[in-house]
C-alpha atoms as a PDB file:
ATOM      1  CA  MET A   1      66.731 -76.101  37.232  1.00  0.00           C
ATOM      2  CA  ALA A   2      69.052 -73.943  39.236  1.00  0.00           C
ATOM      3  CA  GLY A   3      67.777 -70.600  40.592  1.00  0.00           C
ATOM      4  CA  TYR A   4      68.897 -66.959  40.500  1.00  0.00           C
ATOM      5  CA  ARG A   5      70.317 -66.798  43.759  1.00  0.00           C
ATOM      6  CA  LYS A   6      74.092 -67.817  44.250  1.00  0.00           C
ATOM      7  CA  LEU A   7      73.706 -68.543  48.123  1.00  0.00           C
ATOM      8  CA  GLY A   8      77.540 -67.698  48.535  1.00  0.00           C
ATOM      9  CA  ARG A   9      78.503 -71.107  47.386  1.00  0.00           C
ATOM     10  CA  PRO A  10      80.240 -72.645  44.182  1.00  0.00           C
ATOM     11  CA  THR A  11      77.716 -74.010  41.648  1.00  0.00           C
ATOM     12  CA  ASN A  12      78.202 -77.765  42.549  1.00  0.00           C
ATOM     13  CA  GLN A  13      77.673 -77.143  46.376  1.00  0.00           C
ATOM     14  CA  ARG A  14      74.621 -74.870  45.535  1.00  0.00           C
ATOM     15  CA  LYS A  15      72.923 -77.574  43.399  1.00  0.00           C
ATOM     16  CA  ALA A  16      73.684 -80.261  46.107  1.00  0.00           C
ATOM     17  CA  ILE A  17      72.130 -78.089  48.988  1.00  0.00           C
ATOM     18  CA  LEU A  18      68.973 -77.222  46.903  1.00  0.00           C
ATOM     19  CA  ARG A  19      68.639 -81.046  45.940  1.00  0.00           C
ATOM     20  CA  ASN A  20      68.953 -82.141  49.406  1.00  0.00           C
ATOM     21  CA  GLN A  21      66.500 -79.589  50.776  1.00  0.00           C
ATOM     22  CA  VAL A  22      63.946 -80.462  48.026  1.00  0.00           C
ATOM     23  CA  THR A  23      64.215 -84.078  48.748  1.00  0.00           C
ATOM     24  CA  THR A  24      63.927 -83.255  52.627  1.00  0.00           C
ATOM     25  CA  LEU A  25      60.941 -80.764  52.048  1.00  0.00           C
ATOM     26  CA  ILE A  26      59.029 -83.605  49.938  1.00  0.00           C
ATOM     27  CA  GLU A  27      59.654 -86.361  52.207  1.00  0.00           C
ATOM     28  CA  ASN A  28      58.877 -84.546  55.604  1.00  0.00           C
ATOM     29  CA  GLY A  29      56.663 -81.757  54.451  1.00  0.00           C
ATOM     30  CA  LYS A  30      58.381 -78.902  56.066  1.00  0.00           C
ATOM     31  CA  LEU A  31      61.951 -77.697  56.506  1.00  0.00           C
ATOM     32  CA  GLU A  32      63.634 -74.988  58.686  1.00  0.00           C
ATOM     33  CA  THR A  33      66.365 -73.013  56.667  1.00  0.00           C
ATOM     34  CA  THR A  34      67.686 -69.697  55.908  1.00  0.00           C
ATOM     35  CA  LEU A  35      65.324 -67.274  54.125  1.00  0.00           C
ATOM     36  CA  ALA A  36      67.114 -67.160  50.749  1.00  0.00           C
ATOM     37  CA  ARG A  37      67.546 -70.811  50.711  1.00  0.00           C
ATOM     38  CA  ALA A  38      63.899 -71.358  51.308  1.00  0.00           C
ATOM     39  CA  LYS A  39      62.855 -69.177  48.428  1.00  0.00           C
ATOM     40  CA  GLU A  40      65.081 -71.052  46.122  1.00  0.00           C
ATOM     41  CA  THR A  41      64.024 -74.413  47.540  1.00  0.00           C
ATOM     42  CA  SER A  42      60.291 -73.168  47.084  1.00  0.00           C
ATOM     43  CA  ARG A  43      60.741 -72.482  43.342  1.00  0.00           C
ATOM     44  CA  ILE A  44      62.319 -75.824  42.725  1.00  0.00           C
ATOM     45  CA  ALA A  45      59.891 -77.794  44.725  1.00  0.00           C
ATOM     46  CA  GLU A  46      56.825 -76.061  42.993  1.00  0.00           C
ATOM     47  CA  LYS A  47      58.489 -77.264  39.582  1.00  0.00           C
ATOM     48  CA  MET A  48      58.705 -80.846  40.810  1.00  0.00           C
ATOM     49  CA  ILE A  49      55.361 -80.916  41.967  1.00  0.00           C
ATOM     50  CA  THR A  50      54.185 -79.470  38.627  1.00  0.00           C
ATOM     51  CA  LEU A  51      55.940 -82.419  37.030  1.00  0.00           C
ATOM     52  CA  ALA A  52      54.393 -84.830  39.403  1.00  0.00           C
ATOM     53  CA  LYS A  53      50.979 -83.683  38.309  1.00  0.00           C
ATOM     54  CA  LYS A  54      51.717 -84.407  34.631  1.00  0.00           C
ATOM     55  CA  GLY A  55      52.302 -87.983  35.877  1.00  0.00           C
ATOM     56  CA  ASP A  56      53.783 -89.300  32.494  1.00  0.00           C
ATOM     57  CA  LEU A  57      57.042 -91.352  32.225  1.00  0.00           C
ATOM     58  CA  HIS A  58      59.041 -88.327  30.919  1.00  0.00           C
ATOM     59  CA  ALA A  59      58.030 -86.194  34.024  1.00  0.00           C
ATOM     60  CA  ARG A  60      58.995 -88.933  36.372  1.00  0.00           C
ATOM     61  CA  ARG A  61      62.362 -89.447  34.762  1.00  0.00           C
ATOM     62  CA  ARG A  62      62.942 -85.554  35.123  1.00  0.00           C
ATOM     63  CA  ALA A  63      61.999 -85.617  38.669  1.00  0.00           C
ATOM     64  CA  LEU A  64      64.422 -88.663  39.269  1.00  0.00           C
ATOM     65  CA  SER A  65      67.323 -86.772  37.512  1.00  0.00           C
ATOM     66  CA  TYR A  66      66.886 -83.968  40.141  1.00  0.00           C
ATOM     67  CA  ILE A  67      65.887 -85.776  43.322  1.00  0.00           C
ATOM     68  CA  ARG A  68      67.761 -89.086  42.859  1.00  0.00           C
ATOM     69  CA  SER A  69      65.599 -90.981  45.541  1.00  0.00           C
ATOM     70  CA  GLU A  70      63.100 -93.331  44.149  1.00  0.00           C
ATOM     71  CA  GLU A  71      61.176 -93.456  47.468  1.00  0.00           C
ATOM     72  CA  VAL A  72      60.566 -89.777  47.405  1.00  0.00           C
ATOM     73  CA  VAL A  73      59.739 -89.432  43.965  1.00  0.00           C
ATOM     74  CA  ALA A  74      57.095 -92.421  44.356  1.00  0.00           C
ATOM     75  CA  LYS A  75      55.673 -90.275  47.273  1.00  0.00           C
ATOM     76  CA  LEU A  76      55.709 -87.110  44.979  1.00  0.00           C
ATOM     77  CA  PHE A  77      53.949 -88.991  42.171  1.00  0.00           C
ATOM     78  CA  SER A  78      51.507 -91.073  44.140  1.00  0.00           C
ATOM     79  CA  GLU A  79      50.389 -88.921  47.309  1.00  0.00           C
ATOM     80  CA  ILE A  80      51.386 -85.305  46.762  1.00  0.00           C
ATOM     81  CA  ALA A  81      50.412 -84.969  43.069  1.00  0.00           C
ATOM     82  CA  GLU A  82      47.068 -86.423  44.046  1.00  0.00           C
ATOM     83  CA  GLU A  83      46.768 -83.855  46.800  1.00  0.00           C
ATOM     84  CA  TYR A  84      47.395 -80.816  44.709  1.00  0.00           C
ATOM     85  CA  LYS A  85      45.455 -82.062  41.590  1.00  0.00           C
ATOM     86  CA  GLU A  86      42.930 -79.252  41.599  1.00  0.00           C
ATOM     87  CA  ARG A  87      45.515 -76.583  42.722  1.00  0.00           C
ATOM     88  CA  ASN A  88      47.099 -74.137  40.182  1.00  0.00           C
ATOM     89  CA  GLY A  89      50.294 -73.377  41.867  1.00  0.00           C
ATOM     90  CA  GLY A  90      51.153 -71.850  45.190  1.00  0.00           C
ATOM     91  CA  TYR A  91      52.197 -75.382  46.665  1.00  0.00           C
ATOM     92  CA  THR A  92      54.672 -74.140  49.415  1.00  0.00           C
ATOM     93  CA  ARG A  93      54.325 -71.448  52.080  1.00  0.00           C
ATOM     94  CA  ILE A  94      57.252 -69.810  53.864  1.00  0.00           C
ATOM     95  CA  TYR A  95      56.977 -68.458  57.417  1.00  0.00           C
ATOM     96  CA  LYS A  96      59.739 -66.075  58.577  1.00  0.00           C
ATOM     97  CA  LEU A  97      60.864 -67.236  62.188  1.00  0.00           C
ATOM     98  CA  GLY A  98      63.136 -64.467  63.069  1.00  0.00           C
ATOM     99  CA  GLN A  99      66.980 -64.415  63.336  1.00  0.00           C
ATOM    100  CA  ARG A 100      69.468 -67.229  64.093  1.00  0.00           C
ATOM    101  CA  ARG A 101      71.318 -66.484  67.275  1.00  0.00           C
ATOM    102  CA  GLY A 102      74.706 -67.493  66.029  1.00  0.00           C
ATOM    103  CA  ASP A 103      75.068 -65.150  62.804  1.00  0.00           C
ATOM    104  CA  ALA A 104      71.909 -63.253  62.925  1.00  0.00           C
ATOM    105  CA  SER A 105      70.591 -64.625  59.615  1.00  0.00           C
ATOM    106  CA  GLU A 106      67.008 -64.757  58.767  1.00  0.00           C
ATOM    107  CA  VAL A 107      65.415 -67.995  59.459  1.00  0.00           C
ATOM    108  CA  ALA A 108      62.432 -69.302  57.744  1.00  0.00           C
ATOM    109  CA  LEU A 109      60.028 -72.309  57.910  1.00  0.00           C
ATOM    110  CA  ILE A 110      58.960 -73.625  54.415  1.00  0.00           C
ATOM    111  CA  GLU A 111      56.235 -76.074  54.310  1.00  0.00           C
ATOM    112  CA  LEU A 112      53.751 -77.741  51.871  1.00  0.00           C
ATOM    113  CA  VAL A 113      50.435 -76.281  51.809  1.00  0.00           C
END
């Protein structure tokens, strides 16, 4: 479920970053990161929520293969999937926060709607 942006990282590092960010987003409900990472995280998180809305065993195993935290997957399938049952996409929102002081990269806040 890798995205299109390379984020200036090798493939294994990029996948690890996105996995950790999706896990943190589902666990906490919001995440502050760079704009490019937020866009990629949003794409993958929306796919995970769509899997959770299906709710069957195959969808749970696919989510576990990406997220790898049973507590977060349980929260995704029990709480978050029920919350978005009637919604047809658009589960995340990205706010631009401005530029980071150190390297002037665009910072964004991604949150679940």
